[in-house]
Structure formats: structure tokens, C-alpha cells
């Protein structure tokens, strides 16, 4: 598997995880830049919203994923 194919696969995996965690993700290409946002319902009827942009779709997905994970509070088992 080429490095490019692996990066694309990893991006799809991260998008899958975001969706499993309840995020709605929108990604668009604007010329040479990728931009995107993710939203997730929060307690008390609020919505958590994150935005990002990057030179590649993979970089953007990674940025959105890292930002989303940082915002998660630990949940008791």
C-alpha cells in the first residue's frame, strides 16, 4: 500500500471515529485549501462547534479529530 493510500485510509478512519463520537462533519475544498467544521450536541441543548483548514484533506481531518478529542471529558465506566 502506498503512503498516499495509507494517508487516505487513515483520514477515513478518523472521520469514522468522529461520527461514532456524535460529530457531524462537513469538509470542502476551496482552491488549494481544505476547510471543514464539525458539530456535536452538548449538554443543556448547546452545540459544540469546531473549525479548521489545512493544505490537505488528511491534515484537516487530523486537526478536527485532535481538537474534538481534546474537548472530551473523561466518562466513568
N, C-alpha and C. Protein backbone atom coordinates (compact mmCIF):
# COMPACT_ATOMS: atom_id res chain seq x y z
N UNK A 1 0.85 -1.18 0.00
CA UNK A 1 0.00 0.00 0.00
C UNK A 1 0.90 1.24 0.00
N UNK A 2 0.60 2.19 -0.85
CA UNK A 2 1.41 3.39 -0.95
C UNK A 2 1.15 4.31 0.24
N UNK A 3 2.05 5.24 0.46
CA UNK A 3 1.90 6.20 1.56
C UNK A 3 0.65 7.05 1.36
N UNK A 4 0.38 7.41 0.10
CA UNK A 4 -0.81 8.22 -0.19
C UNK A 4 -2.09 7.45 0.13
N UNK A 5 -2.12 6.18 -0.24
CA UNK A 5 -3.29 5.35 0.03
C UNK A 5 -3.47 5.15 1.54
N UNK A 6 -2.37 4.99 2.26
CA UNK A 6 -2.45 4.83 3.71
C UNK A 6 -2.98 6.10 4.37
N UNK A 7 -2.52 7.26 3.91
CA UNK A 7 -2.97 8.53 4.48
C UNK A 7 -4.46 8.71 4.23
N UNK A 8 -4.93 8.35 3.03
CA UNK A 8 -6.36 8.47 2.73
C UNK A 8 -7.16 7.53 3.62
N UNK A 9 -6.67 6.32 3.81
CA UNK A 9 -7.36 5.35 4.67
C UNK A 9 -7.42 5.84 6.11
N UNK A 10 -6.30 6.37 6.61
CA UNK A 10 -6.27 6.89 7.97
C UNK A 10 -7.26 8.03 8.15
N UNK A 11 -7.36 8.91 7.14
CA UNK A 11 -8.32 10.00 7.19
C UNK A 11 -9.75 9.49 7.30
N UNK A 12 -10.06 8.44 6.54
CA UNK A 12 -11.40 7.85 6.59
C UNK A 12 -11.67 7.23 7.96
N UNK A 13 -10.66 6.63 8.54
CA UNK A 13 -10.81 6.03 9.87
C UNK A 13 -11.10 7.12 10.91
N UNK A 14 -10.34 8.22 10.85
CA UNK A 14 -10.57 9.32 11.81
C UNK A 14 -11.95 9.93 11.62
N UNK A 15 -12.39 10.09 10.37
CA UNK A 15 -13.75 10.59 10.13
C UNK A 15 -14.78 9.64 10.73
N UNK A 16 -14.55 8.36 10.57
CA UNK A 16 -15.45 7.36 11.15
C UNK A 16 -15.54 7.49 12.66
N UNK A 17 -14.39 7.68 13.30
CA UNK A 17 -14.39 7.85 14.76
C UNK A 17 -15.12 9.12 15.18
N UNK A 18 -14.91 10.19 14.45
CA UNK A 18 -15.63 11.43 14.78
C UNK A 18 -17.14 11.20 14.72
N UNK A 19 -17.59 10.52 13.69
CA UNK A 19 -19.02 10.26 13.53
C UNK A 19 -19.52 9.33 14.64
N UNK A 20 -18.74 8.32 15.01
CA UNK A 20 -19.13 7.44 16.10
C UNK A 20 -19.23 8.19 17.43
N UNK A 21 -18.43 9.23 17.58
CA UNK A 21 -18.46 10.04 18.81
C UNK A 21 -19.55 11.11 18.77
N UNK A 22 -20.36 11.10 17.70
CA UNK A 22 -21.50 12.00 17.64
C UNK A 22 -21.29 13.30 16.89
N UNK A 23 -20.18 13.45 16.21
CA UNK A 23 -19.88 14.67 15.46
C UNK A 23 -20.47 14.59 14.06
N UNK A 24 -20.98 15.69 13.58
CA UNK A 24 -21.39 15.86 12.19
C UNK A 24 -20.30 16.66 11.51
N UNK A 25 -19.69 16.11 10.48
CA UNK A 25 -18.52 16.72 9.86
C UNK A 25 -18.85 17.16 8.43
N UNK A 26 -18.43 18.38 8.10
CA UNK A 26 -18.58 18.92 6.74
C UNK A 26 -17.20 19.38 6.28
N UNK A 27 -16.78 18.87 5.11
CA UNK A 27 -15.46 19.21 4.56
C UNK A 27 -15.63 19.70 3.13
N UNK A 28 -14.93 20.79 2.81
CA UNK A 28 -14.99 21.36 1.47
C UNK A 28 -13.59 21.71 1.00
N UNK A 29 -13.42 21.70 -0.31
CA UNK A 29 -12.15 22.13 -0.89
C UNK A 29 -12.35 23.50 -1.50
N UNK A 30 -11.50 24.46 -1.11
CA UNK A 30 -11.55 25.83 -1.63
C UNK A 30 -10.22 26.13 -2.30
N UNK A 31 -10.15 25.86 -3.61
CA UNK A 31 -8.88 26.04 -4.31
C UNK A 31 -7.87 25.02 -3.83
N UNK A 32 -6.75 25.50 -3.30
CA UNK A 32 -5.71 24.61 -2.79
C UNK A 32 -5.81 24.33 -1.31
N UNK A 33 -6.88 24.80 -0.68
CA UNK A 33 -7.04 24.62 0.76
C UNK A 33 -8.30 23.82 1.07
N UNK A 34 -8.22 22.97 2.06
CA UNK A 34 -9.37 22.23 2.56
C UNK A 34 -9.85 22.91 3.83
N UNK A 35 -11.16 23.09 3.95
CA UNK A 35 -11.71 23.66 5.18
C UNK A 35 -12.85 22.77 5.63
N UNK A 36 -13.10 22.80 6.93
CA UNK A 36 -14.16 21.95 7.45
C UNK A 36 -14.61 22.38 8.82
N UNK A 37 -15.73 21.82 9.20
CA UNK A 37 -16.27 22.09 10.53
C UNK A 37 -16.90 20.81 11.05
N UNK A 38 -17.02 20.75 12.34
CA UNK A 38 -17.66 19.61 13.00
C UNK A 38 -18.53 20.16 14.13
N UNK A 39 -19.71 19.55 14.28
CA UNK A 39 -20.65 19.95 15.33
C UNK A 39 -21.09 18.72 16.11
N UNK A 40 -21.35 18.96 17.39
CA UNK A 40 -21.80 17.87 18.25
C UNK A 40 -22.71 18.44 19.33
N UNK A 41 -23.85 17.79 19.57
CA UNK A 41 -24.71 18.26 20.65
C UNK A 41 -23.97 18.19 21.99
N UNK A 42 -24.18 19.20 22.80
CA UNK A 42 -23.55 19.26 24.12
C UNK A 42 -24.66 19.29 25.18
N UNK A 43 -24.29 19.10 26.43
CA UNK A 43 -25.29 19.15 27.49
C UNK A 43 -26.05 20.49 27.49
N UNK A 44 -27.24 20.46 28.02
CA UNK A 44 -28.08 21.65 28.17
C UNK A 44 -28.51 22.23 26.82
N UNK A 45 -28.58 21.39 25.77
CA UNK A 45 -29.07 21.84 24.48
C UNK A 45 -28.12 22.68 23.68
N UNK A 46 -26.90 22.83 24.12
CA UNK A 46 -25.90 23.60 23.39
C UNK A 46 -25.29 22.74 22.27
N UNK A 47 -24.52 23.37 21.41
CA UNK A 47 -23.83 22.65 20.34
C UNK A 47 -22.35 23.03 20.39
N UNK A 48 -21.50 22.03 20.41
CA UNK A 48 -20.06 22.26 20.33
C UNK A 48 -19.69 22.33 18.86
N UNK A 49 -18.90 23.35 18.49
CA UNK A 49 -18.57 23.58 17.09
C UNK A 49 -17.07 23.82 16.97
N UNK A 50 -16.43 23.13 16.04
CA UNK A 50 -15.01 23.36 15.78
C UNK A 50 -14.81 23.57 14.28
N UNK A 51 -13.82 24.37 13.93
CA UNK A 51 -13.49 24.66 12.54
C UNK A 51 -12.01 24.40 12.31
N UNK A 52 -11.65 24.18 11.06
CA UNK A 52 -10.25 24.02 10.74
C UNK A 52 -10.01 24.18 9.26
N UNK A 53 -8.74 24.32 8.90
CA UNK A 53 -8.34 24.36 7.50
C UNK A 53 -6.92 23.83 7.40
N UNK A 54 -6.60 23.28 6.23
CA UNK A 54 -5.27 22.70 6.03
C UNK A 54 -5.01 22.57 4.53
N UNK A 55 -3.77 22.25 4.20
CA UNK A 55 -3.38 22.10 2.80
C UNK A 55 -3.88 20.80 2.20
N UNK A 56 -4.15 19.79 3.03
CA UNK A 56 -4.66 18.51 2.52
C UNK A 56 -5.86 18.07 3.35
N UNK A 57 -6.66 17.21 2.75
CA UNK A 57 -7.83 16.70 3.47
C UNK A 57 -7.40 15.90 4.69
N UNK A 58 -6.36 15.11 4.56
CA UNK A 58 -5.87 14.29 5.68
C UNK A 58 -5.44 15.18 6.84
N UNK A 59 -4.72 16.25 6.55
CA UNK A 59 -4.29 17.17 7.61
C UNK A 59 -5.49 17.82 8.30
N UNK A 60 -6.50 18.18 7.52
CA UNK A 60 -7.70 18.79 8.07
C UNK A 60 -8.42 17.82 8.99
N UNK A 61 -8.61 16.59 8.54
CA UNK A 61 -9.30 15.59 9.36
C UNK A 61 -8.54 15.36 10.67
N UNK A 62 -7.22 15.29 10.57
CA UNK A 62 -6.41 15.10 11.78
C UNK A 62 -6.59 16.28 12.73
N UNK A 63 -6.59 17.49 12.21
CA UNK A 63 -6.78 18.69 13.04
C UNK A 63 -8.15 18.67 13.73
N UNK A 64 -9.20 18.37 12.97
CA UNK A 64 -10.54 18.32 13.56
C UNK A 64 -10.62 17.22 14.62
N UNK A 65 -10.03 16.06 14.34
CA UNK A 65 -10.06 14.95 15.30
C UNK A 65 -9.34 15.32 16.59
N UNK A 66 -8.15 15.88 16.47
CA UNK A 66 -7.38 16.25 17.68
C UNK A 66 -8.11 17.30 18.50
N UNK A 67 -8.70 18.28 17.84
CA UNK A 67 -9.45 19.32 18.57
C UNK A 67 -10.67 18.72 19.25
N UNK A 68 -11.36 17.82 18.57
CA UNK A 68 -12.55 17.18 19.15
C UNK A 68 -12.18 16.33 20.36
N UNK A 69 -11.11 15.57 20.27
CA UNK A 69 -10.68 14.70 21.37
C UNK A 69 -10.25 15.52 22.58
N UNK A 70 -9.57 16.65 22.35
CA UNK A 70 -9.15 17.50 23.47
C UNK A 70 -10.35 18.00 24.28
N UNK A 71 -11.48 18.18 23.60
CA UNK A 71 -12.66 18.70 24.26
C UNK A 71 -13.49 17.66 24.99
N UNK A 72 -13.13 16.38 24.86
CA UNK A 72 -13.90 15.34 25.53
C UNK A 72 -13.53 15.26 27.01
N UNK A 73 -14.54 15.14 27.83
CA UNK A 73 -14.32 14.95 29.27
C UNK A 73 -14.29 13.45 29.54
N UNK A 74 -13.44 13.01 30.46
CA UNK A 74 -13.42 11.58 30.79
C UNK A 74 -14.80 11.14 31.31
N UNK A 75 -15.23 9.96 30.88
CA UNK A 75 -16.51 9.41 31.30
C UNK A 75 -16.26 8.19 32.18
N UNK A 76 -16.97 8.10 33.31
CA UNK A 76 -16.79 6.90 34.15
C UNK A 76 -17.33 5.67 33.44
N UNK A 77 -16.69 4.55 33.66
CA UNK A 77 -17.12 3.30 33.00
C UNK A 77 -18.35 2.71 33.63
